[in-house]
Amino acid sequence: MHPFVYLASQSPRRSQLLEQIGIAHRLLVAQDGDPESQDPEALEQVLPRESATDYVQRVTGLKLDAALARLQRRGLDPAPILCSDTTVSLGRHILGKPETPQQASEMLQALSGKTHRVLTAVALQSGRKRLTALSVSSVQFAPIDAAQIEAYVASGEPMGKAGAYGVQGRAAAYIAKISGSYSGIMGLPVFETAQVLRAAGFAI
């Protein structure tokens, strides 16, 4: 039985989802001076011809490696480390986090009226054992007109989110249908995460 898990994510949504299933956790995130804080986006570069599944699992593994190094560097109490990454794919095209409002608008125009996939990978390092899981959901957007996209981008919500939207925010007004894991689309699939944590000895 572990008393807590380290969560290697700045996302308040992931933190809330862990609280929802009663898992005590501490944040283990990059700080100024950490090697990965210099260019965190470098971890998220897509390789040529890489599938969305391979991409999201690879990036999650890299983030977990960085978190393990962080734990050792800081000399913190040992405990399992949980990491997660979410990506959006439209056909074979991976939609990352928009860097500009213009990019956010283009992503939302591409998603308008179409169904896309949201993939969230989970990885847990417990001692020498690494446990992984993958959640794949589909999301159907209703058609969104230019004025609606402009207003949504102006809200600032799309920035920093894969695919330029948050399912738990204003974009919900345009989501016609979801198939899969709502919490996975938010960024941490609760069912798969609970399975991984149980396998590592957590009581849920």
N, C-alpha and C. Protein backbone atom coordinates (compact mmCIF):
# COMPACT_ATOMS: atom_id res chain seq x y z
N MET A 1 0.84 -1.21 0.00
CA MET A 1 0.00 0.00 0.00
C MET A 1 0.87 1.26 0.00
N HIS A 2 0.62 2.14 -0.93
CA HIS A 2 1.36 3.40 -1.00
C HIS A 2 0.51 4.52 -0.40
N PRO A 3 1.14 5.42 0.38
CA PRO A 3 0.36 6.51 0.96
C PRO A 3 -0.03 7.59 -0.05
N PHE A 4 0.76 7.76 -1.11
CA PHE A 4 0.45 8.80 -2.10
C PHE A 4 1.17 8.50 -3.40
N VAL A 5 0.79 9.23 -4.45
CA VAL A 5 1.45 9.14 -5.74
C VAL A 5 1.91 10.55 -6.13
N TYR A 6 3.03 10.64 -6.82
CA TYR A 6 3.43 11.92 -7.41
C TYR A 6 2.71 12.08 -8.74
N LEU A 7 2.13 13.26 -8.97
CA LEU A 7 1.50 13.56 -10.24
C LEU A 7 2.40 14.52 -11.01
N ALA A 8 2.93 14.03 -12.14
CA ALA A 8 3.84 14.85 -12.93
C ALA A 8 3.04 15.62 -13.98
N SER A 9 2.24 16.55 -13.51
CA SER A 9 1.40 17.35 -14.42
C SER A 9 0.99 18.64 -13.74
N GLN A 10 0.96 19.72 -14.51
CA GLN A 10 0.50 21.01 -13.99
C GLN A 10 -1.01 21.15 -14.10
N SER A 11 -1.67 20.17 -14.73
CA SER A 11 -3.09 20.30 -15.03
C SER A 11 -3.97 20.19 -13.78
N PRO A 12 -4.72 21.24 -13.45
CA PRO A 12 -5.62 21.14 -12.29
C PRO A 12 -6.71 20.10 -12.51
N ARG A 13 -7.07 19.84 -13.78
CA ARG A 13 -8.10 18.83 -14.07
C ARG A 13 -7.63 17.44 -13.68
N ARG A 14 -6.38 17.11 -13.98
CA ARG A 14 -5.85 15.79 -13.61
C ARG A 14 -5.82 15.63 -12.10
N SER A 15 -5.46 16.70 -11.42
CA SER A 15 -5.43 16.69 -9.96
C SER A 15 -6.83 16.42 -9.40
N GLN A 16 -7.82 17.09 -9.96
CA GLN A 16 -9.21 16.92 -9.50
C GLN A 16 -9.70 15.49 -9.75
N LEU A 17 -9.31 14.91 -10.88
CA LEU A 17 -9.75 13.56 -11.21
C LEU A 17 -9.13 12.53 -10.27
N LEU A 18 -7.90 12.76 -9.83
CA LEU A 18 -7.29 11.86 -8.84
C LEU A 18 -8.01 12.00 -7.50
N GLU A 19 -8.35 13.22 -7.14
CA GLU A 19 -9.10 13.44 -5.89
C GLU A 19 -10.45 12.73 -5.95
N GLN A 20 -11.04 12.72 -7.12
CA GLN A 20 -12.36 12.11 -7.30
C GLN A 20 -12.35 10.63 -6.92
N ILE A 21 -11.22 9.94 -7.18
CA ILE A 21 -11.15 8.52 -6.82
C ILE A 21 -10.36 8.29 -5.53
N GLY A 22 -10.16 9.37 -4.78
CA GLY A 22 -9.59 9.24 -3.43
C GLY A 22 -8.11 8.92 -3.38
N ILE A 23 -7.36 9.37 -4.39
CA ILE A 23 -5.92 9.11 -4.41
C ILE A 23 -5.16 10.35 -3.92
N ALA A 24 -4.48 10.20 -2.80
CA ALA A 24 -3.64 11.29 -2.28
C ALA A 24 -2.46 11.48 -3.23
N HIS A 25 -2.14 12.73 -3.55
CA HIS A 25 -1.04 12.95 -4.48
C HIS A 25 -0.32 14.26 -4.19
N ARG A 26 0.91 14.29 -4.64
CA ARG A 26 1.73 15.50 -4.57
C ARG A 26 2.18 15.83 -5.99
N LEU A 27 2.27 17.12 -6.28
CA LEU A 27 2.71 17.52 -7.62
C LEU A 27 4.22 17.41 -7.74
N LEU A 28 4.64 16.93 -8.91
CA LEU A 28 6.07 16.82 -9.21
C LEU A 28 6.26 17.43 -10.60
N VAL A 29 6.37 18.76 -10.63
CA VAL A 29 6.41 19.46 -11.92
C VAL A 29 7.74 20.20 -12.09
N ALA A 30 8.04 20.52 -13.34
CA ALA A 30 9.29 21.21 -13.66
C ALA A 30 9.32 22.60 -13.04
N GLN A 31 10.49 22.95 -12.54
CA GLN A 31 10.71 24.29 -11.98
C GLN A 31 11.83 24.96 -12.77
N ASP A 32 11.95 26.28 -12.61
CA ASP A 32 13.05 26.99 -13.26
C ASP A 32 14.36 26.35 -12.83
N GLY A 33 15.22 26.10 -13.82
CA GLY A 33 16.51 25.47 -13.50
C GLY A 33 16.54 24.00 -13.86
N ASP A 34 15.37 23.36 -13.93
CA ASP A 34 15.34 21.96 -14.38
C ASP A 34 15.65 21.93 -15.87
N PRO A 35 16.38 20.89 -16.33
CA PRO A 35 16.73 20.82 -17.76
C PRO A 35 15.50 20.90 -18.66
N GLU A 36 14.41 20.21 -18.28
CA GLU A 36 13.23 20.17 -19.15
C GLU A 36 12.43 21.46 -19.10
N SER A 37 12.74 22.37 -18.14
CA SER A 37 12.00 23.63 -18.09
C SER A 37 12.49 24.60 -19.16
N GLN A 38 13.67 24.32 -19.74
CA GLN A 38 14.21 25.21 -20.77
C GLN A 38 13.34 25.17 -22.03
N ASP A 39 12.92 23.96 -22.41
CA ASP A 39 12.11 23.82 -23.62
C ASP A 39 11.14 22.65 -23.46
N PRO A 40 10.07 22.86 -22.67
CA PRO A 40 9.15 21.75 -22.43
C PRO A 40 8.47 21.25 -23.70
N GLU A 41 8.32 22.14 -24.70
CA GLU A 41 7.64 21.74 -25.94
C GLU A 41 8.50 20.77 -26.76
N ALA A 42 9.81 20.74 -26.50
CA ALA A 42 10.68 19.83 -27.26
C ALA A 42 10.25 18.38 -27.06
N LEU A 43 9.72 18.07 -25.88
CA LEU A 43 9.22 16.72 -25.60
C LEU A 43 8.05 16.36 -26.51
N GLU A 44 7.33 17.38 -26.97
CA GLU A 44 6.06 17.14 -27.66
C GLU A 44 6.17 17.21 -29.18
N GLN A 45 7.38 17.22 -29.69
CA GLN A 45 7.55 17.26 -31.15
C GLN A 45 7.08 15.94 -31.76
N VAL A 46 6.33 16.03 -32.85
CA VAL A 46 5.85 14.83 -33.54
C VAL A 46 6.94 14.35 -34.51
N LEU A 47 7.21 13.05 -34.51
CA LEU A 47 8.20 12.48 -35.43
C LEU A 47 7.55 12.27 -36.80
N PRO A 48 8.37 12.25 -37.86
CA PRO A 48 7.80 12.03 -39.20
C PRO A 48 7.04 10.70 -39.26
N ARG A 49 5.85 10.73 -39.86
CA ARG A 49 5.00 9.54 -40.06
C ARG A 49 4.60 8.83 -38.76
N GLU A 50 4.68 9.52 -37.64
CA GLU A 50 4.32 8.91 -36.36
C GLU A 50 2.80 8.91 -36.19
N SER A 51 2.24 7.76 -35.79
CA SER A 51 0.79 7.69 -35.56
C SER A 51 0.45 8.39 -34.25
N ALA A 52 -0.81 8.77 -34.11
CA ALA A 52 -1.25 9.44 -32.87
C ALA A 52 -1.05 8.52 -31.66
N THR A 53 -1.32 7.22 -31.83
CA THR A 53 -1.15 6.26 -30.73
C THR A 53 0.31 6.18 -30.30
N ASP A 54 1.22 6.01 -31.27
CA ASP A 54 2.65 5.95 -30.95
C ASP A 54 3.12 7.25 -30.32
N TYR A 55 2.64 8.35 -30.87
CA TYR A 55 3.05 9.67 -30.39
C TYR A 55 2.68 9.88 -28.93
N VAL A 56 1.41 9.66 -28.59
CA VAL A 56 0.95 9.98 -27.23
C VAL A 56 1.61 9.05 -26.20
N GLN A 57 1.86 7.79 -26.58
CA GLN A 57 2.52 6.87 -25.65
C GLN A 57 4.00 7.22 -25.49
N ARG A 58 4.64 7.62 -26.59
CA ARG A 58 6.06 8.00 -26.52
C ARG A 58 6.26 9.26 -25.67
N VAL A 59 5.41 10.28 -25.90
CA VAL A 59 5.54 11.54 -25.16
C VAL A 59 5.28 11.31 -23.66
N THR A 60 4.29 10.47 -23.35
CA THR A 60 4.01 10.17 -21.93
C THR A 60 5.22 9.51 -21.28
N GLY A 61 5.86 8.58 -22.00
CA GLY A 61 7.07 7.93 -21.48
C GLY A 61 8.20 8.91 -21.25
N LEU A 62 8.38 9.84 -22.18
CA LEU A 62 9.44 10.86 -22.04
C LEU A 62 9.16 11.77 -20.84
N LYS A 63 7.88 12.13 -20.65
CA LYS A 63 7.52 12.98 -19.51
C LYS A 63 7.75 12.24 -18.19
N LEU A 64 7.48 10.93 -18.20
CA LEU A 64 7.71 10.14 -16.99
C LEU A 64 9.20 10.01 -16.70
N ASP A 65 10.01 9.82 -17.74
CA ASP A 65 11.47 9.77 -17.56
C ASP A 65 11.98 11.07 -16.93
N ALA A 66 11.46 12.19 -17.43
CA ALA A 66 11.88 13.51 -16.91
C ALA A 66 11.46 13.66 -15.45
N ALA A 67 10.26 13.15 -15.11
CA ALA A 67 9.77 13.25 -13.73
C ALA A 67 10.60 12.38 -12.79
N LEU A 68 11.01 11.20 -13.27
CA LEU A 68 11.87 10.31 -12.46
C LEU A 68 13.20 11.00 -12.14
N ALA A 69 13.79 11.62 -13.17
CA ALA A 69 15.06 12.33 -12.98
C ALA A 69 14.87 13.49 -11.99
N ARG A 70 13.72 14.16 -12.08
CA ARG A 70 13.39 15.28 -11.19
C ARG A 70 13.32 14.81 -9.74
N LEU A 71 12.66 13.67 -9.53
CA LEU A 71 12.51 13.11 -8.18
C LEU A 71 13.88 12.82 -7.57
N GLN A 72 14.75 12.20 -8.38
CA GLN A 72 16.09 11.84 -7.88
C GLN A 72 16.92 13.09 -7.62
N ARG A 73 16.81 14.07 -8.54
CA ARG A 73 17.60 15.31 -8.41
C ARG A 73 17.22 16.07 -7.14
N ARG A 74 15.94 16.05 -6.81
CA ARG A 74 15.48 16.81 -5.64
C ARG A 74 15.58 16.02 -4.34
N GLY A 75 15.90 14.73 -4.45
CA GLY A 75 16.04 13.91 -3.24
C GLY A 75 14.75 13.79 -2.45
N LEU A 76 13.62 13.68 -3.15
CA LEU A 76 12.32 13.60 -2.48
C LEU A 76 12.03 12.18 -2.00
N ASP A 77 11.04 12.06 -1.13
CA ASP A 77 10.62 10.74 -0.65
C ASP A 77 10.23 9.87 -1.83
N PRO A 78 10.66 8.60 -1.83
CA PRO A 78 10.27 7.74 -2.95
C PRO A 78 8.78 7.41 -2.90
N ALA A 79 8.15 7.41 -4.06
CA ALA A 79 6.74 7.03 -4.21
C ALA A 79 6.50 6.85 -5.71
N PRO A 80 5.45 6.13 -6.08
CA PRO A 80 5.14 5.98 -7.51
C PRO A 80 4.88 7.34 -8.17
N ILE A 81 5.18 7.41 -9.46
CA ILE A 81 4.98 8.64 -10.22
C ILE A 81 3.98 8.36 -11.34
N LEU A 82 2.97 9.22 -11.46
CA LEU A 82 1.94 9.09 -12.48
C LEU A 82 2.09 10.21 -13.51
N CYS A 83 2.02 9.83 -14.77
CA CYS A 83 2.15 10.81 -15.84
C CYS A 83 1.10 10.52 -16.90
N SER A 84 0.66 11.58 -17.59
CA SER A 84 -0.38 11.41 -18.60
C SER A 84 -0.21 12.45 -19.69
N ASP A 85 -0.61 12.09 -20.92
CA ASP A 85 -0.56 13.05 -22.01
C ASP A 85 -1.76 12.82 -22.92
N THR A 86 -2.31 13.89 -23.44
CA THR A 86 -3.50 13.82 -24.30
C THR A 86 -3.19 14.42 -25.66
N THR A 87 -3.64 13.74 -26.70
CA THR A 87 -3.52 14.31 -28.03
C THR A 87 -4.82 14.14 -28.80
N VAL A 88 -5.01 15.02 -29.78
CA VAL A 88 -6.21 15.00 -30.62
C VAL A 88 -5.78 14.66 -32.03
N SER A 89 -6.50 13.74 -32.68
CA SER A 89 -6.16 13.43 -34.07
C SER A 89 -7.39 13.50 -34.95
N LEU A 90 -7.22 14.15 -36.09
CA LEU A 90 -8.27 14.29 -37.09
C LEU A 90 -7.75 13.55 -38.32
N GLY A 91 -8.32 12.37 -38.58
CA GLY A 91 -7.74 11.52 -39.62
C GLY A 91 -6.34 11.11 -39.17
N ARG A 92 -5.36 11.32 -40.02
CA ARG A 92 -3.97 10.98 -39.67
C ARG A 92 -3.21 12.21 -39.14
N HIS A 93 -3.93 13.30 -38.96
CA HIS A 93 -3.29 14.55 -38.57
C HIS A 93 -3.37 14.76 -37.06
N ILE A 94 -2.22 14.96 -36.41
CA ILE A 94 -2.18 15.20 -34.96
C ILE A 94 -2.32 16.70 -34.70
N LEU A 95 -3.28 17.05 -33.85
CA LEU A 95 -3.48 18.46 -33.49
C LEU A 95 -2.92 18.66 -32.08
N GLY A 96 -1.84 19.41 -31.99
CA GLY A 96 -1.24 19.67 -30.69
C GLY A 96 -1.87 20.88 -30.02
N LYS A 97 -1.09 21.55 -29.19
CA LYS A 97 -1.58 22.75 -28.51
C LYS A 97 -1.30 23.95 -29.41
N PRO A 98 -2.30 24.79 -29.64
CA PRO A 98 -2.07 25.95 -30.51
C PRO A 98 -1.08 26.93 -29.87
N GLU A 99 -0.21 27.48 -30.69
CA GLU A 99 0.77 28.44 -30.18
C GLU A 99 0.29 29.88 -30.35
N THR A 100 -0.69 30.08 -31.23
CA THR A 100 -1.22 31.43 -31.47
C THR A 100 -2.74 31.33 -31.60
N PRO A 101 -3.45 32.45 -31.38
CA PRO A 101 -4.90 32.45 -31.61
C PRO A 101 -5.27 32.03 -33.03
N GLN A 102 -4.43 32.41 -34.00
CA GLN A 102 -4.67 32.04 -35.40
C GLN A 102 -4.66 30.51 -35.56
N GLN A 103 -3.67 29.87 -34.93
CA GLN A 103 -3.58 28.40 -34.98
C GLN A 103 -4.81 27.78 -34.33
N ALA A 104 -5.24 28.35 -33.21
CA ALA A 104 -6.42 27.83 -32.51
C ALA A 104 -7.64 27.90 -33.42
N SER A 105 -7.80 29.03 -34.12
CA SER A 105 -8.93 29.20 -35.04
C SER A 105 -8.89 28.16 -36.15
N GLU A 106 -7.70 27.93 -36.70
CA GLU A 106 -7.56 26.96 -37.80
C GLU A 106 -7.92 25.55 -37.32
N MET A 107 -7.48 25.19 -36.11
CA MET A 107 -7.79 23.85 -35.57
C MET A 107 -9.30 23.70 -35.38
N LEU A 108 -9.94 24.72 -34.83
CA LEU A 108 -11.38 24.65 -34.58
C LEU A 108 -12.17 24.59 -35.89
N GLN A 109 -11.69 25.31 -36.92
CA GLN A 109 -12.33 25.24 -38.24
C GLN A 109 -12.23 23.82 -38.80
N ALA A 110 -11.06 23.18 -38.58
CA ALA A 110 -10.86 21.81 -39.07
C ALA A 110 -11.76 20.82 -38.34
N LEU A 111 -12.00 21.05 -37.04
CA LEU A 111 -12.81 20.13 -36.24
C LEU A 111 -14.31 20.34 -36.45
N SER A 112 -14.69 21.53 -36.89
CA SER A 112 -16.11 21.90 -37.05
C SER A 112 -16.86 20.90 -37.94
N GLY A 113 -17.96 20.34 -37.39
CA GLY A 113 -18.80 19.44 -38.15
C GLY A 113 -18.23 18.04 -38.37
N LYS A 114 -17.09 17.74 -37.74
CA LYS A 114 -16.43 16.45 -37.97
C LYS A 114 -16.27 15.67 -36.66
N THR A 115 -15.93 14.40 -36.80
CA THR A 115 -15.63 13.56 -35.64
C THR A 115 -14.12 13.34 -35.59
N HIS A 116 -13.54 13.52 -34.41
CA HIS A 116 -12.10 13.31 -34.24
C HIS A 116 -11.86 12.37 -33.05
N ARG A 117 -10.63 11.93 -32.92
CA ARG A 117 -10.26 11.05 -31.80
C ARG A 117 -9.47 11.83 -30.75
N VAL A 118 -9.69 11.47 -29.50
CA VAL A 118 -8.88 12.01 -28.40
C VAL A 118 -8.20 10.81 -27.73
N LEU A 119 -6.87 10.84 -27.72
CA LEU A 119 -6.10 9.74 -27.14
C LEU A 119 -5.38 10.24 -25.90
N THR A 120 -5.55 9.54 -24.79
CA THR A 120 -4.85 9.88 -23.56
C THR A 120 -4.09 8.65 -23.07
N ALA A 121 -2.78 8.80 -22.96
CA ALA A 121 -1.94 7.72 -22.44
C ALA A 121 -1.64 8.00 -20.97
N VAL A 122 -1.56 6.92 -20.19
CA VAL A 122 -1.23 7.00 -18.77
C VAL A 122 -0.02 6.10 -18.53
N ALA A 123 0.92 6.57 -17.74
CA ALA A 123 2.08 5.74 -17.36
C ALA A 123 2.38 5.95 -15.89
N LEU A 124 2.64 4.85 -15.19
CA LEU A 124 2.94 4.89 -13.76
C LEU A 124 4.24 4.16 -13.51
N GLN A 125 5.19 4.84 -12.88
CA GLN A 125 6.45 4.19 -12.49
C GLN A 125 6.36 3.85 -11.01
N SER A 126 6.42 2.57 -10.71
CA SER A 126 6.36 2.11 -9.32
C SER A 126 7.56 1.21 -9.09
N GLY A 127 8.58 1.75 -8.43
CA GLY A 127 9.84 1.01 -8.29
C GLY A 127 10.43 0.81 -9.67
N ARG A 128 10.73 -0.44 -10.03
CA ARG A 128 11.29 -0.72 -11.36
C ARG A 128 10.22 -1.04 -12.38
N LYS A 129 9.00 -1.09 -11.92
CA LYS A 129 7.88 -1.50 -12.79
C LYS A 129 7.23 -0.28 -13.42
N ARG A 130 7.02 -0.33 -14.74
CA ARG A 130 6.30 0.74 -15.43
C ARG A 130 5.01 0.17 -16.00
N LEU A 131 3.90 0.75 -15.57
CA LEU A 131 2.58 0.30 -16.00
C LEU A 131 1.98 1.36 -16.91
N THR A 132 1.36 0.93 -18.01
CA THR A 132 0.82 1.89 -18.96
C THR A 132 -0.61 1.52 -19.36
N ALA A 133 -1.35 2.52 -19.82
CA ALA A 133 -2.70 2.31 -20.32
C ALA A 133 -2.99 3.39 -21.36
N LEU A 134 -3.97 3.12 -22.21
CA LEU A 134 -4.33 4.06 -23.26
C LEU A 134 -5.85 4.14 -23.37
N SER A 135 -6.36 5.35 -23.39
CA SER A 135 -7.80 5.58 -23.59
C SER A 135 -7.99 6.28 -24.93
N VAL A 136 -8.90 5.74 -25.75
CA VAL A 136 -9.20 6.36 -27.04
C VAL A 136 -10.70 6.65 -27.11
N SER A 137 -11.04 7.90 -27.33
CA SER A 137 -12.44 8.32 -27.42
C SER A 137 -12.66 9.04 -28.74
N SER A 138 -13.94 9.12 -29.13
CA SER A 138 -14.25 9.93 -30.32
C SER A 138 -15.20 11.05 -29.92
N VAL A 139 -15.01 12.19 -30.54
CA VAL A 139 -15.80 13.39 -30.24
C VAL A 139 -16.33 13.96 -31.55
N GLN A 140 -17.63 14.17 -31.60
CA GLN A 140 -18.24 14.76 -32.79
C GLN A 140 -18.63 16.21 -32.52
N PHE A 141 -18.06 17.12 -33.30
CA PHE A 141 -18.39 18.54 -33.19
C PHE A 141 -19.54 18.88 -34.13
N ALA A 142 -20.45 19.68 -33.68
CA ALA A 142 -21.45 20.27 -34.57
C ALA A 142 -20.74 21.33 -35.42
N PRO A 143 -21.33 21.76 -36.51
CA PRO A 143 -20.73 22.86 -37.27
C PRO A 143 -20.61 24.12 -36.39
N ILE A 144 -19.46 24.78 -36.47
CA ILE A 144 -19.22 26.01 -35.70
C ILE A 144 -18.93 27.11 -36.70
N ASP A 145 -19.65 28.22 -36.61
CA ASP A 145 -19.42 29.28 -37.60
C ASP A 145 -18.26 30.18 -37.17
N ALA A 146 -17.84 31.03 -38.08
CA ALA A 146 -16.65 31.86 -37.87
C ALA A 146 -16.79 32.76 -36.64
N ALA A 147 -17.97 33.32 -36.43
CA ALA A 147 -18.18 34.22 -35.28
C ALA A 147 -18.08 33.45 -33.97
N GLN A 148 -18.60 32.23 -33.95
CA GLN A 148 -18.52 31.41 -32.74
C GLN A 148 -17.07 31.03 -32.43
N ILE A 149 -16.32 30.67 -33.48
CA ILE A 149 -14.90 30.33 -33.30
C ILE A 149 -14.14 31.55 -32.77
N GLU A 150 -14.42 32.71 -33.37
CA GLU A 150 -13.73 33.94 -32.96
C GLU A 150 -14.00 34.25 -31.48
N ALA A 151 -15.24 34.10 -31.05
CA ALA A 151 -15.61 34.38 -29.65
C ALA A 151 -14.94 33.38 -28.71
N TYR A 152 -14.90 32.11 -29.12
CA TYR A 152 -14.30 31.08 -28.27
C TYR A 152 -12.79 31.30 -28.14
N VAL A 153 -12.14 31.62 -29.25
CA VAL A 153 -10.69 31.88 -29.21
C VAL A 153 -10.41 33.11 -28.34
N ALA A 154 -11.27 34.13 -28.45
CA ALA A 154 -11.09 35.36 -27.67
C ALA A 154 -11.21 35.10 -26.16
N SER A 155 -11.91 34.03 -25.79
CA SER A 155 -12.05 33.69 -24.35
C SER A 155 -10.73 33.21 -23.76
N GLY A 156 -9.79 32.80 -24.62
CA GLY A 156 -8.49 32.30 -24.15
C GLY A 156 -8.49 30.83 -23.80
N GLU A 157 -9.67 30.22 -23.76
CA GLU A 157 -9.76 28.81 -23.33
C GLU A 157 -8.99 27.83 -24.22
N PRO A 158 -8.96 28.04 -25.55
CA PRO A 158 -8.27 27.05 -26.40
C PRO A 158 -6.76 26.96 -26.19
N MET A 159 -6.15 28.02 -25.67
CA MET A 159 -4.69 28.04 -25.57
C MET A 159 -4.20 27.02 -24.53
N GLY A 160 -3.16 26.30 -24.91
CA GLY A 160 -2.57 25.31 -24.00
C GLY A 160 -3.32 23.99 -23.96
N LYS A 161 -4.31 23.83 -24.86
CA LYS A 161 -5.09 22.59 -24.88
C LYS A 161 -4.94 21.89 -26.23
N ALA A 162 -4.70 20.58 -26.19
CA ALA A 162 -4.61 19.80 -27.42
C ALA A 162 -5.90 19.95 -28.21
N GLY A 163 -5.77 20.24 -29.51
CA GLY A 163 -6.95 20.41 -30.34
C GLY A 163 -7.65 21.72 -30.16
N ALA A 164 -7.12 22.59 -29.32
CA ALA A 164 -7.63 23.95 -29.11
C ALA A 164 -9.00 24.01 -28.43
N TYR A 165 -9.31 23.00 -27.60
CA TYR A 165 -10.56 23.11 -26.84
C TYR A 165 -10.48 22.29 -25.56
N GLY A 166 -11.34 22.66 -24.60
CA GLY A 166 -11.48 21.89 -23.37
C GLY A 166 -12.89 21.36 -23.28
N VAL A 167 -13.05 20.05 -23.12
CA VAL A 167 -14.38 19.44 -23.13
C VAL A 167 -15.22 19.92 -21.95
N GLN A 168 -14.56 20.31 -20.86
CA GLN A 168 -15.29 20.72 -19.65
C GLN A 168 -15.57 22.22 -19.63
N GLY A 169 -15.24 22.90 -20.72
CA GLY A 169 -15.44 24.35 -20.77
C GLY A 169 -16.51 24.75 -21.76
N ARG A 170 -16.34 25.93 -22.35
CA ARG A 170 -17.36 26.48 -23.25
C ARG A 170 -17.55 25.66 -24.52
N ALA A 171 -16.52 24.91 -24.91
CA ALA A 171 -16.62 24.12 -26.14
C ALA A 171 -17.70 23.05 -26.04
N ALA A 172 -18.12 22.70 -24.84
CA ALA A 172 -19.15 21.68 -24.66
C ALA A 172 -20.43 22.03 -25.41
N ALA A 173 -20.66 23.32 -25.63
CA ALA A 173 -21.86 23.77 -26.35
C ALA A 173 -21.85 23.32 -27.81
N TYR A 174 -20.68 22.92 -28.32
CA TYR A 174 -20.57 22.52 -29.73
C TYR A 174 -20.33 21.02 -29.90
N ILE A 175 -20.26 20.29 -28.79
CA ILE A 175 -19.99 18.86 -28.87
C ILE A 175 -21.31 18.10 -28.96
N ALA A 176 -21.56 17.51 -30.13
CA ALA A 176 -22.84 16.83 -30.38
C ALA A 176 -22.85 15.42 -29.79
N LYS A 177 -21.69 14.75 -29.80
CA LYS A 177 -21.67 13.35 -29.36
C LYS A 177 -20.27 12.97 -28.89
N ILE A 178 -20.23 12.18 -27.82
CA ILE A 178 -18.97 11.65 -27.31
C ILE A 178 -19.11 10.14 -27.20
N SER A 179 -18.09 9.42 -27.64
CA SER A 179 -18.04 7.97 -27.45
C SER A 179 -16.71 7.64 -26.80
N GLY A 180 -16.75 7.07 -25.59
CA GLY A 180 -15.51 6.73 -24.90
C GLY A 180 -15.48 7.26 -23.49
N SER A 181 -14.35 7.85 -23.10
CA SER A 181 -14.13 8.26 -21.71
C SER A 181 -14.15 9.79 -21.59
N TYR A 182 -15.15 10.33 -20.90
CA TYR A 182 -15.21 11.79 -20.71
C TYR A 182 -13.98 12.27 -19.95
N SER A 183 -13.60 11.54 -18.88
CA SER A 183 -12.43 11.96 -18.09
C SER A 183 -11.15 11.82 -18.92
N GLY A 184 -11.13 10.85 -19.85
CA GLY A 184 -9.97 10.71 -20.73
C GLY A 184 -9.83 11.91 -21.65
N ILE A 185 -10.97 12.42 -22.13
CA ILE A 185 -10.95 13.61 -22.98
C ILE A 185 -10.51 14.83 -22.16
N MET A 186 -10.85 14.84 -20.86
CA MET A 186 -10.40 15.91 -19.97
C MET A 186 -8.89 15.86 -19.73
N GLY A 187 -8.31 14.65 -19.81
CA GLY A 187 -6.85 14.55 -19.64
C GLY A 187 -6.37 13.43 -18.74
N LEU A 188 -7.30 12.73 -18.06
CA LEU A 188 -6.87 11.59 -17.23
C LEU A 188 -8.03 10.59 -17.16
N PRO A 189 -7.96 9.51 -17.95
CA PRO A 189 -9.06 8.55 -17.95
C PRO A 189 -9.14 7.82 -16.61
N VAL A 190 -10.20 8.07 -15.88
CA VAL A 190 -10.29 7.58 -14.50
C VAL A 190 -10.29 6.05 -14.43
N PHE A 191 -11.03 5.39 -15.31
CA PHE A 191 -11.10 3.93 -15.28
C PHE A 191 -9.72 3.30 -15.49
N GLU A 192 -9.03 3.72 -16.56
CA GLU A 192 -7.71 3.16 -16.86
C GLU A 192 -6.68 3.53 -15.79
N THR A 193 -6.79 4.76 -15.28
CA THR A 193 -5.85 5.20 -14.23
C THR A 193 -6.05 4.37 -12.97
N ALA A 194 -7.31 4.10 -12.61
CA ALA A 194 -7.59 3.28 -11.43
C ALA A 194 -7.03 1.87 -11.60
N GLN A 195 -7.13 1.31 -12.81
CA GLN A 195 -6.59 -0.03 -13.07
C GLN A 195 -5.07 -0.05 -12.86
N VAL A 196 -4.40 0.95 -13.39
CA VAL A 196 -2.95 1.05 -13.28
C VAL A 196 -2.53 1.22 -11.81
N LEU A 197 -3.25 2.08 -11.09
CA LEU A 197 -2.92 2.31 -9.68
C LEU A 197 -3.18 1.05 -8.84
N ARG A 198 -4.26 0.35 -9.12
CA ARG A 198 -4.54 -0.90 -8.39
C ARG A 198 -3.44 -1.93 -8.63
N ALA A 199 -2.99 -2.01 -9.87
CA ALA A 199 -1.93 -2.97 -10.22
C ALA A 199 -0.63 -2.65 -9.49
N ALA A 200 -0.46 -1.38 -9.09
CA ALA A 200 0.74 -0.97 -8.36
C ALA A 200 0.54 -1.05 -6.84
N GLY A 201 -0.66 -1.47 -6.41
CA GLY A 201 -0.89 -1.69 -4.97
C GLY A 201 -1.69 -0.62 -4.27
N PHE A 202 -2.28 0.30 -5.02
CA PHE A 202 -3.13 1.31 -4.39
C PHE A 202 -4.52 0.74 -4.14
N ALA A 203 -5.10 1.12 -3.02
CA ALA A 203 -6.47 0.72 -2.72
C ALA A 203 -7.41 1.77 -3.26
N ILE A 204 -8.34 1.36 -4.12
CA ILE A 204 -9.31 2.32 -4.69
C ILE A 204 -10.71 1.77 -4.43
